[in-house]
Structure formats: structure tokens, C-alpha cells
Protein backbone atom coordinates (compact mmCIF):
# COMPACT_ATOMS: atom_id res chain seq x y z
CA MET A 1 129.48 214.10 50.91
CA ALA A 2 132.10 211.57 51.98
CA SER A 3 130.04 210.60 55.00
CA ARG A 4 126.94 210.01 52.89
CA THR A 5 128.90 207.99 50.38
CA SER A 6 130.42 205.81 53.09
CA THR A 7 127.03 205.09 54.58
CA GLN A 8 125.36 204.43 51.23
CA ALA A 9 128.20 202.14 50.15
CA GLY A 10 127.45 199.98 53.14
CA SER A 11 123.67 200.30 52.96
CA GLY A 12 123.18 196.70 54.07
CA LEU A 13 125.33 197.35 57.11
CA ASP A 14 123.58 200.66 57.61
CA ARG A 15 120.16 199.03 57.87
CA TYR A 16 121.26 196.19 60.12
CA PHE A 17 123.38 198.21 62.54
CA LYS A 18 121.24 201.40 62.33
CA ILE A 19 124.36 203.40 61.52
CA SER A 20 122.64 206.44 60.03
CA GLU A 21 119.95 206.34 62.70
CA ARG A 22 122.62 206.78 65.37
CA GLY A 23 124.38 209.54 63.46
CA SER A 24 127.44 207.57 62.39
CA THR A 25 129.05 206.23 59.20
CA VAL A 26 130.66 202.95 58.19
CA ARG A 27 134.09 204.60 58.11
CA THR A 28 133.62 206.05 61.58
CA GLU A 29 132.60 202.67 62.98
CA VAL A 30 135.64 200.97 61.42
CA VAL A 31 137.99 203.58 62.89
CA ALA A 32 136.24 203.26 66.25
CA GLY A 33 136.67 199.48 66.24
CA LEU A 34 140.38 199.85 65.50
CA ALA A 35 140.78 202.42 68.30
CA THR A 36 139.14 200.09 70.82
CA TRP A 37 141.35 197.19 69.78
CA LEU A 38 144.54 199.25 70.07
CA THR A 39 143.48 200.35 73.55
CA MET A 40 142.74 196.87 74.90
CA ALA A 41 145.15 194.65 72.93
CA TYR A 42 147.41 194.63 75.99
CA ILE A 43 145.21 191.83 77.37
CA LEU A 44 146.83 189.48 74.85
CA PHE A 45 150.03 189.82 76.89
CA VAL A 46 148.67 190.42 80.40
CA ASN A 47 146.11 187.61 80.61
CA PRO A 48 148.61 184.86 79.70
CA GLY A 49 151.09 186.46 82.09
CA ILE A 50 148.67 186.03 85.00
CA LEU A 51 147.22 182.63 84.09
CA THR A 52 150.64 181.05 83.52
CA SER A 53 152.25 182.56 86.63
CA LEU A 54 151.82 179.53 88.92
CA PRO A 55 151.23 175.77 88.74
CA ASP A 56 148.23 174.05 90.31
CA HIS A 57 148.53 171.35 92.99
CA THR A 58 149.15 168.73 90.30
CA GLY A 59 152.12 170.69 88.98
CA LEU A 60 150.31 171.78 85.81
CA THR A 61 151.17 175.23 84.43
CA LEU A 62 149.07 176.46 81.52
CA PRO A 63 151.10 176.75 78.28
CA PHE A 64 151.68 180.42 77.43
CA ASN A 65 151.08 180.16 73.70
CA GLN A 66 147.81 178.27 74.22
CA VAL A 67 146.56 180.91 76.67
CA VAL A 68 147.34 183.60 74.09
CA THR A 69 145.29 181.62 71.57
CA VAL A 70 142.21 181.20 73.77
CA THR A 71 142.46 184.81 74.99
CA ALA A 72 142.26 186.06 71.41
CA LEU A 73 139.67 183.45 70.40
CA VAL A 74 137.09 184.17 73.09
CA ALA A 75 137.61 187.94 72.92
CA GLY A 76 137.14 187.87 69.16
CA VAL A 77 134.06 185.65 69.08
CA MET A 78 132.26 187.31 72.00
CA THR A 79 133.01 190.86 70.82
CA ILE A 80 131.63 190.05 67.38
CA LEU A 81 128.56 188.49 69.03
CA MET A 82 128.11 191.64 71.10
CA GLY A 83 128.16 193.70 67.93
CA VAL A 84 125.90 191.48 65.85
CA TYR A 85 123.33 190.60 68.55
CA ALA A 86 123.32 193.58 70.92
CA ASN A 87 124.37 196.21 68.34
CA TYR A 88 126.46 198.31 70.71
CA PRO A 89 130.13 199.37 70.48
CA PHE A 90 131.11 197.28 73.50
CA ALA A 91 134.15 195.01 73.27
CA MET A 92 134.84 191.98 75.47
CA ALA A 93 137.95 190.19 76.70
CA ALA A 94 139.30 188.37 79.74
CA GLY A 95 138.58 190.51 82.79
CA LEU A 96 141.50 191.74 84.85
CA GLY A 97 140.72 190.93 88.45
CA LEU A 98 138.64 187.97 87.41
CA ASN A 99 141.73 186.26 85.98
CA ALA A 100 143.59 187.11 89.18
CA PHE A 101 140.76 185.50 91.13
CA VAL A 102 141.13 182.32 89.09
CA ALA A 103 144.92 182.18 89.45
CA PHE A 104 145.57 183.35 92.99
CA THR A 105 142.35 182.45 94.82
CA LEU A 106 140.91 179.37 93.13
CA VAL A 107 144.23 177.76 92.15
CA GLY A 108 146.70 179.36 94.55
CA ALA A 109 144.67 179.60 97.78
CA ASN A 110 141.87 177.06 97.36
CA GLY A 111 144.02 174.38 95.78
CA LEU A 112 141.89 173.72 92.71
CA SER A 113 143.42 172.36 89.54
CA TRP A 114 143.29 174.61 86.48
CA PRO A 115 140.40 172.64 84.89
CA GLU A 116 138.46 172.81 88.17
CA ALA A 117 139.09 176.55 88.50
CA MET A 118 137.87 177.13 84.96
CA GLY A 119 134.83 175.01 85.77
CA VAL A 120 133.95 177.52 88.49
CA ILE A 121 133.95 180.26 85.84
CA VAL A 122 131.74 178.19 83.54
CA ILE A 123 129.25 177.61 86.37
CA GLU A 124 129.31 181.30 87.27
CA GLY A 125 128.71 182.33 83.66
CA LEU A 126 125.83 179.90 83.21
CA ALA A 127 124.31 181.01 86.53
CA ILE A 128 124.44 184.66 85.51
CA THR A 129 122.91 183.74 82.15
CA VAL A 130 119.95 182.17 83.93
CA LEU A 131 119.63 185.25 86.13
CA VAL A 132 119.58 187.48 83.05
CA LEU A 133 116.95 185.36 81.32
CA THR A 134 114.73 185.35 84.41
CA GLY A 135 115.26 189.05 85.20
CA PHE A 136 116.72 188.19 88.60
CA ARG A 137 120.13 189.72 87.83
CA THR A 138 118.70 193.21 88.20
CA ALA A 139 117.07 192.23 91.50
CA VAL A 140 120.37 191.01 92.93
CA LEU A 141 122.13 194.15 91.76
CA ASN A 142 119.54 196.31 93.47
CA ALA A 143 119.96 194.43 96.74
CA ILE A 144 123.61 195.45 97.19
CA PRO A 145 124.28 199.03 98.36
CA MET A 146 125.98 201.05 95.64
CA ASP A 147 128.98 201.93 97.81
CA LEU A 148 129.69 198.26 98.45
CA LYS A 149 129.58 197.64 94.70
CA ARG A 150 132.14 200.43 94.27
CA ALA A 151 134.29 198.98 97.05
CA ILE A 152 134.47 195.61 95.27
CA GLY A 153 135.93 197.28 92.16
CA ILE A 154 138.32 199.39 94.23
CA GLY A 155 139.56 196.34 96.14
CA ILE A 156 140.14 194.46 92.91
CA GLY A 157 142.11 197.45 91.62
CA LEU A 158 144.33 197.45 94.70
CA PHE A 159 144.74 193.69 94.34
CA ILE A 160 145.74 194.00 90.68
CA ALA A 161 148.25 196.77 91.42
CA PHE A 162 149.77 194.63 94.16
CA ILE A 163 150.09 191.70 91.74
CA GLY A 164 151.88 194.03 89.33
CA LEU A 165 154.43 195.06 91.98
CA ARG A 166 154.86 191.42 92.96
CA ASN A 167 155.37 190.23 89.38
CA ALA A 168 157.95 192.96 88.85
CA GLY A 169 159.92 191.86 91.92
CA ILE A 170 159.43 195.20 93.68
CA VAL A 171 157.53 193.63 96.60
CA VAL A 172 158.89 190.38 98.04
CA VAL A 173 158.27 188.15 101.05
CA GLY A 174 159.69 189.81 104.15
CA GLU A 175 161.87 188.56 106.96
CA GLY A 176 160.04 189.37 110.18
CA THR A 177 157.36 191.20 108.19
CA PRO A 178 154.82 189.75 105.74
CA LEU A 179 156.19 191.87 102.88
CA ARG A 180 159.09 194.18 102.15
CA LEU A 181 160.71 196.13 99.37
CA ALA A 182 163.12 194.12 97.24
CA PRO A 183 166.62 194.37 98.77
CA ASP A 184 168.22 195.08 95.39
CA LEU A 185 166.53 197.73 93.26
CA THR A 186 169.48 198.06 90.87
CA SER A 187 169.01 194.84 88.88
CA TRP A 188 168.19 195.11 85.19
CA PRO A 189 164.68 193.60 85.49
CA ILE A 190 163.80 196.26 88.09
CA VAL A 191 165.21 198.97 85.83
CA VAL A 192 163.14 197.64 82.94
CA PHE A 193 159.98 197.71 85.08
CA ALA A 194 160.72 201.27 86.29
CA PHE A 195 161.20 202.37 82.69
CA GLY A 196 157.93 200.73 81.68
CA LEU A 197 156.01 202.29 84.55
CA ALA A 198 157.40 205.76 83.78
CA VAL A 199 156.64 205.50 80.06
CA THR A 200 153.16 204.00 80.51
CA ALA A 201 152.16 206.45 83.23
CA THR A 202 153.33 209.37 81.11
CA LEU A 203 151.41 208.20 78.07
CA VAL A 204 148.27 207.68 80.18
CA ALA A 205 148.68 211.15 81.70
CA ARG A 206 148.94 212.59 78.18
CA LYS A 207 145.76 210.68 77.28
CA MET A 208 147.44 208.93 74.35
CA ARG A 209 145.27 206.28 72.74
CA GLY A 210 146.80 202.84 73.06
CA ALA A 211 149.02 203.99 75.95
CA LEU A 212 149.01 200.62 77.71
CA LEU A 213 149.88 198.67 74.55
CA ILE A 214 152.61 201.16 73.59
CA GLY A 215 154.04 200.90 77.10
CA ILE A 216 154.21 197.10 76.88
CA LEU A 217 155.90 197.20 73.47
CA ALA A 218 158.44 199.88 74.49
CA THR A 219 159.33 198.02 77.70
CA THR A 220 159.69 194.72 75.84
CA ILE A 221 162.08 196.32 73.34
CA LEU A 222 164.24 197.60 76.22
CA ALA A 223 164.19 194.13 77.81
CA ILE A 224 165.33 192.55 74.52
CA ILE A 225 168.19 195.05 74.28
CA VAL A 226 169.23 194.41 77.89
CA ASN A 227 169.04 190.65 77.39
CA ALA A 228 171.23 190.85 74.27
CA ALA A 229 173.77 193.20 75.84
CA THR A 230 174.32 191.32 79.11
CA ASP A 231 175.45 187.80 79.90
CA ALA A 232 173.27 187.22 82.95
CA PRO A 233 170.12 185.11 82.28
CA TYR A 234 167.56 187.56 83.66
CA TRP A 235 164.66 185.93 81.82
CA ALA A 236 163.68 182.42 80.79
CA PRO A 237 164.66 181.20 77.31
CA GLY A 238 162.45 182.75 74.65
CA VAL A 239 161.44 185.69 76.86
CA ALA A 240 162.90 189.11 76.02
CA GLU A 241 164.43 187.65 72.87
CA LEU A 242 163.62 188.20 69.23
CA PRO A 243 161.24 185.38 68.24
CA ASP A 244 162.25 182.81 65.64
CA LYS A 245 158.93 183.42 63.91
CA VAL A 246 156.26 186.09 64.06
CA ALA A 247 153.21 183.90 63.47
CA GLU A 248 152.25 180.28 64.00
CA THR A 249 149.23 178.04 63.72
CA PRO A 250 147.11 178.56 66.85
CA ASN A 251 146.92 175.72 69.38
CA PHE A 252 143.39 175.18 70.69
CA GLY A 253 144.36 172.48 73.18
CA LEU A 254 142.88 174.33 76.18
CA VAL A 255 139.41 174.66 74.66
CA GLY A 256 137.01 172.46 76.59
CA ASP A 257 139.56 171.65 79.31
CA PHE A 258 137.40 172.35 82.38
CA SER A 259 135.85 170.32 85.19
CA PHE A 260 132.85 170.66 87.51
CA ASN A 261 134.70 168.89 90.33
CA VAL A 262 134.82 172.03 92.52
CA PHE A 263 131.99 170.90 94.80
CA LYS A 264 133.81 167.68 95.63
CA VAL A 265 137.10 169.47 96.30
CA LEU A 266 135.88 172.47 98.30
CA GLY A 267 132.56 171.28 99.66
CA LEU A 268 129.17 172.78 98.88
CA ALA A 269 129.33 175.95 100.99
CA SER A 270 132.88 176.96 100.06
CA ALA A 271 132.22 176.24 96.38
CA LEU A 272 129.05 178.34 96.44
CA ALA A 273 130.88 181.18 98.17
CA ALA A 274 133.63 181.14 95.54
CA ILE A 275 131.10 181.10 92.69
CA LEU A 276 129.05 183.84 94.33
CA SER A 277 132.10 186.03 94.83
CA VAL A 278 133.12 186.01 91.18
CA MET A 279 129.46 186.45 90.17
CA LEU A 280 129.20 189.62 92.24
CA SER A 281 132.39 191.01 90.72
CA ASP A 282 131.12 190.20 87.22
CA PHE A 283 127.72 191.74 88.02
CA PHE A 284 128.91 195.14 89.10
CA ASP A 285 131.81 195.56 86.71
CA THR A 286 129.61 194.97 83.68
CA MET A 287 126.73 197.17 84.79
CA GLY A 288 129.02 200.09 85.59
CA THR A 289 130.90 199.73 82.31
CA VAL A 290 127.78 199.46 80.15
CA ILE A 291 125.97 202.40 81.72
CA GLY A 292 129.11 204.53 81.78
CA ILE A 293 130.01 203.99 78.13
CA GLY A 294 126.37 204.15 77.05
CA GLY A 295 126.07 207.54 78.71
CA GLU A 296 129.24 208.80 77.05
CA ALA A 297 127.88 207.70 73.66
CA LYS A 298 124.50 209.34 74.44
CA LEU A 299 122.75 206.00 73.96
CA LEU A 300 120.78 206.07 77.24
CA ASP A 301 117.10 206.93 77.32
CA SER A 302 115.46 209.71 79.36
CA GLU A 303 115.49 207.52 82.49
CA GLY A 304 119.20 206.80 82.19
CA LYS A 305 118.63 203.23 80.97
CA LEU A 306 120.26 201.54 78.00
CA PRO A 307 117.63 200.27 75.52
CA GLY A 308 117.98 196.53 75.01
CA ILE A 309 120.39 196.15 77.93
CA ASN A 310 119.30 192.56 78.48
CA ARG A 311 120.89 191.62 75.16
CA VAL A 312 124.16 193.18 76.32
CA LEU A 313 123.95 191.40 79.66
CA LEU A 314 123.13 188.08 77.99
CA VAL A 315 126.19 188.23 75.71
CA ASP A 316 128.33 189.33 78.66
CA SER A 317 127.10 186.39 80.74
CA LEU A 318 127.76 183.93 77.93
CA GLY A 319 131.24 185.48 77.64
CA ALA A 320 131.97 184.45 81.21
CA ALA A 321 130.96 180.86 80.50
CA ALA A 322 132.83 180.80 77.18
CA GLY A 323 135.98 182.14 78.81
CA GLY A 324 135.91 179.41 81.41
CA ALA A 325 135.18 176.71 78.84
CA ALA A 326 138.20 177.82 76.80
CA SER A 327 140.50 178.30 79.85
CA ALA A 328 140.81 182.02 79.08
CA SER A 329 139.09 183.08 82.33
CA SER A 330 135.83 185.02 82.49
CA ASN A 331 135.30 187.46 79.62
CA THR A 332 133.54 190.72 80.39
CA THR A 333 132.67 194.04 78.76
CA TYR A 334 135.71 196.35 78.67
CA ILE A 335 135.77 199.96 79.79
CA GLU A 336 138.36 200.50 77.02
CA SER A 337 135.40 200.42 74.64
CA ALA A 338 135.19 204.11 75.52
CA ALA A 339 138.12 204.68 73.16
CA GLY A 340 135.96 203.64 70.22
CA VAL A 341 133.06 205.73 71.47
CA ALA A 342 135.40 208.72 71.63
CA GLU A 343 136.15 208.14 67.93
CA GLY A 344 132.44 208.27 67.16
CA GLY A 345 131.52 204.57 67.43
CA ARG A 346 127.82 204.16 68.14
CA THR A 347 126.87 200.74 66.75
CA GLY A 348 127.79 197.08 66.86
CA LEU A 349 129.81 197.40 63.66
CA ALA A 350 132.65 198.87 65.73
CA SER A 351 132.59 195.75 67.89
CA VAL A 352 132.66 193.49 64.83
CA VAL A 353 135.85 195.25 63.68
CA THR A 354 137.42 194.93 67.13
CA GLY A 355 136.51 191.25 67.32
CA ALA A 356 137.90 190.55 63.86
CA LEU A 357 141.25 192.06 64.89
CA PHE A 358 141.35 189.77 67.94
CA LEU A 359 140.81 186.78 65.65
CA VAL A 360 143.75 187.91 63.51
CA ALA A 361 145.81 187.98 66.72
CA LEU A 362 145.20 184.22 67.09
CA PHE A 363 148.27 183.68 64.96
CA LEU A 364 150.61 185.99 66.93
CA ALA A 365 151.40 183.83 69.98
CA PRO A 366 155.20 183.88 69.32
CA ILE A 367 155.22 187.66 69.71
CA ALA A 368 153.27 187.52 72.95
CA GLY A 369 155.66 184.95 74.37
CA VAL A 370 158.54 187.43 74.10
CA VAL A 371 156.95 189.87 76.58
CA PRO A 372 158.46 189.63 80.11
CA ASN A 373 156.55 190.17 83.37
CA GLU A 374 158.37 193.46 83.80
CA ALA A 375 156.60 194.77 80.69
CA THR A 376 153.08 193.80 81.76
CA ALA A 377 153.49 194.67 85.46
CA PRO A 378 153.30 198.44 84.83
CA VAL A 379 149.96 197.92 83.08
CA LEU A 380 148.60 196.11 86.14
CA VAL A 381 149.65 199.03 88.34
CA ILE A 382 148.02 201.55 85.99
CA VAL A 383 144.81 199.49 85.73
CA GLY A 384 144.80 199.41 89.53
CA TYR A 385 144.90 203.20 89.47
CA PHE A 386 141.94 203.33 87.07
CA MET A 387 139.86 201.16 89.37
CA MET A 388 140.94 203.00 92.53
CA THR A 389 139.48 206.30 91.29
CA LEU A 390 136.04 205.15 92.45
CA VAL A 391 137.16 205.61 96.05
CA ARG A 392 136.09 209.27 95.92
CA ASP A 393 132.45 208.27 95.45
CA ILE A 394 132.08 206.23 98.65
CA ASP A 395 130.28 207.80 101.61
CA TRP A 396 133.16 207.51 104.08
CA VAL A 397 131.45 209.84 106.56
CA ASN A 398 128.84 207.15 107.24
CA PRO A 399 130.44 204.30 109.25
CA ASP A 400 127.53 201.99 108.31
CA ILE A 401 128.99 202.01 104.80
CA GLY A 402 132.56 203.12 105.37
CA ILE A 403 133.61 200.24 107.64
CA PRO A 404 132.28 197.42 105.40
CA ALA A 405 133.73 199.21 102.35
CA LEU A 406 137.13 199.42 104.03
CA LEU A 407 137.07 195.70 104.79
CA ILE A 408 136.16 194.84 101.18
CA ILE A 409 138.99 196.99 99.85
CA LEU A 410 141.65 196.00 102.39
CA VAL A 411 141.07 192.27 102.83
CA GLN A 412 141.29 191.44 99.11
CA PRO A 413 144.99 192.28 98.56
CA LEU A 414 146.07 191.33 102.10
CA THR A 415 144.67 187.80 101.78
CA PHE A 416 145.18 187.48 98.00
CA SER A 417 141.48 186.69 97.70
CA ILE A 418 138.57 188.65 96.23
CA THR A 419 136.18 186.21 97.92
CA ASN A 420 137.55 186.98 101.39
CA GLY A 421 137.24 190.72 100.86
CA VAL A 422 133.68 190.63 99.55
CA GLY A 423 132.60 188.24 102.28
CA ALA A 424 134.16 190.27 105.09
CA GLY A 425 132.51 193.48 103.91
CA PHE A 426 129.08 191.95 103.32
CA ILE A 427 129.00 190.26 106.72
CA ALA A 428 130.12 193.48 108.44
CA TYR A 429 127.41 195.48 106.67
CA THR A 430 124.69 192.96 107.55
CA VAL A 431 125.72 192.75 111.21
CA ILE A 432 125.88 196.55 111.56
CA GLN A 433 122.43 196.99 110.01
CA LEU A 434 120.91 194.30 112.23
CA LEU A 435 122.42 195.71 115.43
CA ASN A 436 121.52 199.34 114.72
CA GLY A 437 117.88 198.40 114.16
CA ASN A 438 117.61 199.14 110.43
CA GLY A 439 117.86 195.49 109.48
CA VAL A 440 115.27 194.39 112.05
CA ARG A 441 112.86 197.04 110.79
CA ASP A 442 113.39 195.91 107.21
CA LEU A 443 112.84 192.27 108.11
CA ARG A 444 109.63 193.15 109.94
CA PHE A 445 108.36 195.00 106.89
CA ALA A 446 109.36 192.12 104.58
CA ALA A 447 107.49 189.59 106.72
CA ASN A 448 104.34 191.71 106.76
CA ALA A 449 104.48 192.49 103.03
CA VAL A 450 104.98 188.87 102.03
CA GLY A 451 102.38 187.66 104.49
CA GLN A 452 99.78 190.07 103.12
CA GLY A 453 100.78 189.61 99.49
CA LYS A 454 101.78 193.28 99.05
CA TRP A 455 104.33 192.56 96.34
CA GLU A 456 104.31 196.04 94.78
CA GLU A 457 105.08 197.61 98.15
CA PHE A 458 107.80 195.01 98.65
CA LYS A 459 109.42 195.93 95.32
CA ALA A 460 109.16 199.69 95.91
CA TYR A 461 110.49 199.61 99.48
CA LYS A 462 113.74 201.52 100.19
CA TRP A 463 115.84 198.84 101.83
CA LYS A 464 118.68 199.42 104.24
CA LEU A 465 119.18 195.66 104.48
CA HIS A 466 117.62 193.71 101.64
CA PRO A 467 116.70 190.07 102.42
CA VAL A 468 119.01 189.01 99.59
CA MET A 469 121.93 190.60 101.46
CA ILE A 470 121.11 188.50 104.51
CA VAL A 471 121.12 185.31 102.43
CA VAL A 472 124.39 186.26 100.70
CA SER A 473 126.02 187.14 104.03
CA ALA A 474 124.87 183.84 105.50
CA VAL A 475 126.58 181.98 102.65
CA PHE A 476 129.79 183.89 103.26
CA GLY A 477 129.48 183.27 107.00
CA TRP A 478 129.35 179.53 106.40
CA TYR A 479 132.26 179.89 103.99
CA PHE A 480 134.44 181.47 106.68
CA TRP A 481 133.21 179.08 109.36
CA LYS A 482 134.12 176.02 107.33
CA GLY A 483 137.39 177.55 106.12
CA LEU A 484 138.79 177.91 102.64
CA LEU A 485 139.31 174.17 102.34
CA PRO A 486 137.15 171.35 103.81
């Protein structure tokens, strides 16, 4: 009776979001939206932590409170748009891995300024939007072997975990070796990190909802206690201290602060390679997330496809562009949306609730500024674990796939660059396929099919080396040949 009453009370919502049609209720969708927000609210602390971790070549460091503001703003707006337009319980926020790409590859390695780096994300988002509208996004996805798609996500996971250990001070620059363990593991910041990792890992193992957020809060409380009880200045002023105020008027100064100067700074080939690299990461992460959560919610059709997926992909693509335009980094669909699905969320109303909560968080920048790196670093390590689990699905027995996959996974963290890892793996795969004869056979078929106008055969062909892979590998080859900087 209660379920019927809840649905009838929101009959307007019921008709628009098809709540009854999908076997849900208004109350269930509200609870689901809250569950998703609790599970992914950690991004309000982690994203600013990454994007403010280093200055660009001009000496500019993004202001922490402004990054909190734009993180909440874009996540809130795009998640609500996902709910209202696509009508699915998928939430969006700044993508982990993508923000690391912006900070450590575009700014740190390539020498772009922060506005230029965010301009790359805007270009990438707009490019993906065009690909969605033309239907080409699916074609590009189909051109990349599935195991290489998995390897990209795994490599990003390893990269993120490494960043977490670096931010915590566990891994430092070595003397005689590239890296080493920190010489002093007894300092209070290290103890705080170890506590956070133990608590967060335990909560995740117990499958507690909101484990990552709870871990951040518990670790921050310990850091505040340590900071108050000791005289040594372990953290910067304002960090690990009780804030003077809980809420403040949001500062939108970073919105619109981006530049398309990347082509002038890096050169055409290197700029295209950087844009292509983040596009590929965005491509595969979103598709895997959407299909995975859609399957869990039993929203897929008999062919395993999500009805209306182009609407989801369109909002996701616009989220990338919006994130860059607001200096929040690329926004993408979050796997944590599964928490809301587990609570029974089946419609876009759950996403509207999640998005509204992110908009409320616009005013909570002072709280986020209290959180030290040692509190967010454990989350990066745990997220790295989540992404590494895909390693079991790769066909390691087959060296045609295994060797390129290894390069994708290994080169990313070792060079602090997602672009380098993807490029190395794609080139290796293309060269192997060409030399073992599979690629030559595929190219011969492609030439004949195109020459004779046999487009249906071309589309249905089971490629070992798709022509698109050759083009992509050629771009990466030029990227490496020219170097990271012109």
C-alpha cells in the first residue's frame, strides 16, 4: 500500500520517469539517489587534491576552494541532466584517472598551463559529442580489441594507486634508483595514511555503503587530533584543522578559464595524440560502466544493449566538455551509480536526487579544505584496486594481446602518462598484427571491399587489425617520433 501511495503521490514524476513501468517507487528512487551520492561524495575531496597538487609552468596552482566548487557544480548539473534527459540512474562526476591525466601528463609532463590543459578536455568532450551524434563513436569502440580496452582501465588503476602512495609520502624519489620506500615510516602523516588505508580497506571488504567517504572522514578526524596534539607543522595552515566556518558562498572564478592554445604549445601531432589518448580512456570507461550498471539493473534488452544509450553517451560527452570548461576536469559516468541500483534505483529520478545533493555541496568548500592528502590517498589506492580487477579478463596466453596489454598497463605509471601507455600498446599491437600476417590480410580485404563497394561485408568483417587501429597507431607513432614537446 505504501509503495502505491508513494508512486501515486508523485504521479507527475511517475509518468515522466516511468517509475511504475520500471517497477520502482518515488521513495525508492530518492533513497537510491542518496545512496549513490554517499558512495561517490569522496570525489569532492579527491578531485581538488589532485588538481591542486602541482603548479603549471607559469607558477599557477588552482585554488582548492574553487576546485571544490566547480567539482560539485559540474557533477550536480550533469547528473541532473543525465536523469532528466536520459532517464537512467547514472551519476556523473570528475573522472579519476582523467584528472590525473590533466595534472600529471598535460600540466606536469607536457608543460601546458592549467587553462590550456582544460582546453584539451573541452576539445576532447566536443569531439566525442560529434562522434556520438554521427554514430562514429560506436565504430571507434569496435575497432579496438576488447582486451586492449581493459588494459587501458587497468593501467589507469595502477597509475592512480601509485599517485596515492606518492601523495601519502610512502614512495619517494630514490638515490641510485628511480623510486624507493620513504626512509622514515614512523612520522605522523604516514601513521595517519596507514590508519586510513586500514579503515577504508576494511569497510570496502565488509561491503559497507559509503566506505570511501567514511574512510576519508575518519582519517581526517585523526589528522585533526594529531595536528592539535603535536607541535610539529605536519600540514599546511588550514589543513587538518577545524574550519572557522562550515559553509561559504561558492567561488565560480574557474568557470570558463580554459584555452585552445594546446596546438601552438605542443604542435599538431602531439596535441592530437594527447586529445586522442584521453578520448580513448573516456570512451571505454563510459561504455563499460553503462553496460555493467544497466545489466545489474536489468535494463538491457534481449541483445544486451541499453535502450536509448545514445542519450546517455551524449550527456556523458557533454560532461567531458563541461568539466573542462569549468576547470573541474572531464566528467564521466560513475561506477558508484551501482550503489543506487542496489537500493532499487531504476530511473533518472535517482540521478536528479544525486545531482541535487552535489549542488548543495557547492557551499561546503571550507570542510573539503580541511582534508589532508593522507586522507584521500587511501581512496586512490582502493580505486586502483577496483580498476585492477579487470586484469583477470585479459587473454594473457595469447602474446598477440598479452604483450601490447602489458605495455599499456606498465608504461602508464612508469612514465606518469596515460598517453604514453596507450600509444606504446597500440603501436605494439599493430606491428605484431602486421608482421604475423593478420594485418596484411585484413588490409587486403579492406582494399577489395572498398574498391567493390561491399560496405555490408566491410561492416560485418571480423577484424584482427581494423583500419582505424592503423590510423590511431600512426598518430601515436608520430607523437613518439616528435617527442612529448616540440
